[in-house]
Structures are given as structure tokens and as C-alpha cells.
Protein backbone atom coordinates (compact mmCIF):
# COMPACT_ATOMS: atom_id res chain seq x y z
CA MET A 1 18.64 -27.35 23.79
CA ARG A 2 15.14 -27.77 25.08
CA LEU A 3 14.65 -30.56 27.55
CA THR A 4 11.07 -31.71 27.07
CA THR A 5 8.76 -33.33 29.59
CA LYS A 6 9.86 -36.73 28.28
CA GLY A 7 13.40 -36.24 29.59
CA ARG A 8 12.31 -34.47 32.77
CA TYR A 9 9.74 -37.14 33.61
CA ALA A 10 12.19 -39.95 32.88
CA VAL A 11 14.76 -38.49 35.29
CA THR A 12 12.08 -37.83 37.92
CA ALA A 13 10.66 -41.35 37.61
CA MET A 14 14.12 -42.95 37.77
CA LEU A 15 15.01 -40.94 40.86
CA ASP A 16 11.71 -41.97 42.48
CA LEU A 17 12.44 -45.59 41.57
CA ALA A 18 15.98 -45.34 42.93
CA PHE A 19 14.66 -43.93 46.21
CA HIS A 20 11.86 -46.44 46.70
CA SER A 21 13.14 -49.68 45.14
CA GLN A 22 15.82 -50.17 47.77
CA ILE A 23 13.28 -52.17 49.79
CA LYS A 24 11.01 -53.76 47.17
CA PRO A 25 9.98 -53.35 43.52
CA VAL A 26 7.99 -50.20 42.78
CA THR A 27 4.83 -50.07 40.70
CA LEU A 28 4.38 -47.46 38.03
CA THR A 29 1.07 -46.58 39.71
CA ASP A 30 2.98 -45.61 42.85
CA ILE A 31 5.42 -43.48 40.85
CA ALA A 32 2.52 -41.89 38.94
CA THR A 33 0.76 -41.01 42.18
CA ARG A 34 3.82 -39.54 43.88
CA GLN A 35 5.07 -37.62 40.84
CA THR A 36 1.71 -36.73 39.25
CA ILE A 37 2.74 -38.24 35.94
CA SER A 38 0.28 -40.08 33.71
CA LEU A 39 0.50 -43.85 34.13
CA SER A 40 0.31 -44.44 30.37
CA TYR A 41 3.15 -41.95 29.84
CA LEU A 42 5.25 -43.75 32.46
CA GLU A 43 4.58 -47.07 30.73
CA GLN A 44 6.01 -45.64 27.51
CA LEU A 45 9.06 -44.23 29.27
CA PHE A 46 9.75 -47.44 31.19
CA ALA A 47 9.54 -49.50 28.01
CA ARG A 48 12.44 -47.40 26.70
CA LEU A 49 14.33 -47.50 29.98
CA ARG A 50 13.91 -51.29 30.06
CA ARG A 51 15.28 -51.60 26.49
CA ALA A 52 18.24 -49.46 27.55
CA GLY A 53 18.99 -51.94 30.35
CA MET A 54 18.37 -49.54 33.22
CA VAL A 55 15.27 -51.11 34.76
CA LYS A 56 13.70 -54.53 34.91
CA GLY A 57 10.18 -55.62 35.65
CA VAL A 58 9.38 -57.99 38.49
CA ARG A 59 6.20 -60.02 37.94
CA GLY A 60 3.69 -61.32 40.42
CA PRO A 61 2.33 -60.10 43.72
CA GLY A 62 4.59 -57.41 45.10
CA GLY A 63 5.98 -56.88 41.62
CA GLY A 64 6.93 -53.68 39.93
CA TYR A 65 10.20 -52.26 38.70
CA LYS A 66 13.75 -52.29 40.01
CA LEU A 67 16.97 -50.77 38.78
CA CYS A 68 19.27 -53.10 36.84
CA ARG A 69 22.42 -51.38 37.99
CA LYS A 70 23.69 -49.54 41.04
CA THR A 71 22.51 -45.94 41.36
CA SER A 72 26.14 -44.82 41.11
CA ASP A 73 26.36 -46.46 37.66
CA ILE A 74 23.39 -44.60 36.10
CA ASN A 75 23.98 -41.00 35.09
CA ILE A 76 21.37 -38.40 34.17
CA ALA A 77 22.56 -37.97 30.57
CA GLU A 78 22.11 -41.71 30.03
CA ILE A 79 18.51 -41.58 31.27
CA ILE A 80 17.65 -38.67 29.01
CA THR A 81 19.25 -40.35 26.00
CA ALA A 82 17.46 -43.64 26.75
CA VAL A 83 14.07 -42.00 26.20
CA ASP A 84 15.21 -40.56 22.86
CA GLU A 85 15.74 -37.08 24.18
CA SER A 86 18.48 -35.05 22.57
CA LEU A 87 21.13 -33.15 24.51
CA ASP A 88 21.97 -31.11 21.42
CA SER A 89 21.67 -27.31 21.47
CA THR A 90 22.19 -26.82 17.74
CA LYS A 91 19.24 -26.38 15.44
CA CYS A 92 20.89 -28.69 12.90
CA GLY A 93 21.31 -31.69 15.17
CA GLY A 94 25.07 -31.25 15.10
CA GLU A 95 25.24 -31.85 11.34
CA ALA A 96 26.71 -28.40 10.59
CA ASN A 97 24.15 -27.86 7.84
CA CYS A 98 22.26 -25.14 9.67
CA GLN A 99 22.48 -22.49 6.96
CA LYS A 100 22.08 -23.58 3.37
CA GLU A 101 23.79 -26.92 4.05
CA GLN A 102 26.73 -25.27 5.82
CA ALA A 103 27.49 -24.32 9.40
CA CYS A 104 25.86 -21.13 10.64
CA LEU A 105 27.77 -18.31 12.29
CA THR A 106 27.09 -19.58 15.83
CA HIS A 107 27.32 -23.33 15.17
CA ASP A 108 30.47 -23.88 17.25
CA LEU A 109 28.97 -21.92 20.15
CA TRP A 110 25.94 -24.25 20.31
CA VAL A 111 28.10 -27.35 19.86
CA GLY A 112 30.23 -26.22 22.80
CA LEU A 113 27.13 -25.63 24.92
CA SER A 114 25.84 -29.10 24.05
CA GLU A 115 29.14 -30.63 25.14
CA GLN A 116 29.06 -28.71 28.44
CA ILE A 117 25.50 -29.83 29.18
CA ARG A 118 26.27 -33.45 28.31
CA ASP A 119 29.45 -33.43 30.44
CA TYR A 120 27.53 -31.89 33.37
CA LEU A 121 24.71 -34.45 33.20
CA GLU A 122 27.14 -37.36 32.71
CA ASP A 123 28.88 -36.34 35.93
CA ILE A 124 25.68 -36.64 38.01
CA SER A 125 24.49 -40.10 38.97
CA LEU A 126 21.27 -41.16 40.62
CA ALA A 127 23.38 -41.88 43.73
CA ASP A 128 24.60 -38.27 43.75
CA LEU A 129 21.02 -37.01 43.73
CA LEU A 130 19.88 -39.50 46.38
CA GLU A 131 22.52 -38.16 48.76
CA LYS A 132 21.07 -34.66 48.68
CA ASN A 133 19.05 -33.77 51.77
CA GLN A 134 16.58 -31.78 49.71
CA VAL A 135 15.83 -34.80 47.50
CA GLN A 136 15.28 -36.96 50.57
CA ASP A 137 12.99 -34.35 52.13
CA VAL A 138 10.92 -34.01 48.97
CA ALA A 139 10.65 -37.80 48.59
CA LYS A 140 9.40 -38.12 52.17
CA ARG A 141 6.86 -35.33 51.63
CA GLN A 142 5.64 -37.00 48.43
CA ASP A 143 5.27 -40.32 50.28
CA HIS A 144 3.19 -38.61 52.95
CA ASN A 145 1.02 -36.82 50.36
CA ALA A 146 0.52 -40.04 48.37
CA GLN A 147 -0.54 -41.90 51.52
CA HIS A 148 -2.97 -39.10 52.36
CA THR A 149 -4.44 -39.29 48.83
CA ILE A 150 -4.87 -43.07 49.11
CA GLU A 151 -6.62 -42.68 52.48
CA ILE A 152 -9.04 -40.13 51.02
CA TYR A 153 -10.01 -42.60 48.27
CA ARG A 154 -10.46 -45.43 50.78
CA HIS A 155 -12.49 -43.35 53.24
CA PRO A 156 -14.16 -40.51 51.28
CA ASP A 157 -16.31 -39.23 54.16
């Protein structure tokens, strides 16, 4: 299994949203600034997350995105799957046609690994991650750095 930037960025953005949307909706621009992710890429990811029923947009002044469910009800595997990322370690996509339309010698090994990874990520919710001191420390540091960046743009001298 190779988790691409799509899955990594989706989890990162959702964790950022979970951390910051407790007070008010969060704009994708704010997430992009804090996480150094392209705004257009975030827009694509959030369109998929919205279709999966994990986030909702809030229009108007002070608008942005909010979670649709409690952080304890959203697991990491679900986020990755919502953005069309596979949690499959086989090269055949689990079809058992890896070698001349039949299972290869190590097919069951990779299927077992896929199941372990999926089970692990299903057992971790956004709430679990939010409780970690390290996550809270990093989020606070990112807030500070983002504020500093905004101040530099407002007062360049």
C-alpha cells in the first residue's frame, strides 16, 4: 500500500478542521495557510469529503466548513476512502488475479497486511488524535506561524 498525498492531505485537513471548527466555521484558505496545502487541491478534497457526508459548507460572512458529525464518529480509514484512496496493499486490487489471472505466491500476505492497516486506521478517530498533546502543540504552533505570515503580508516593512 502506498498512501499518496491525497490521503495524507485529506487526513491533515480534516484534523485541522476538527481542531479549529469547534468555535466557528473554517475557511479552506486558513487550512491551506496552516498546512501549506494548495487551496485548489483542498477544494477538490473537500468536494469529496462533502459528498461523503463528513463536512458541510457554511455560506456568508464568517462562513467556511464544519464537520457534519462528532469527531469521535469519523475515523481515519473513512477519510482516506472518501477521497478515493485505496487501503489495499495488493498489486491486483484484491482481485486475486495478480499472476496470469490467478493469485500470486504472496497474495494472502498482502491481503492480510491490508486488513491490518484498515483495522488500525478504523480504530483511530479524529477525537483520538485531537486528544494527543503533540497534536495540540503542533496546531498551536501552526496557528502562531500562520498569524505571523499574515502580519508580514499586512505590514511588509
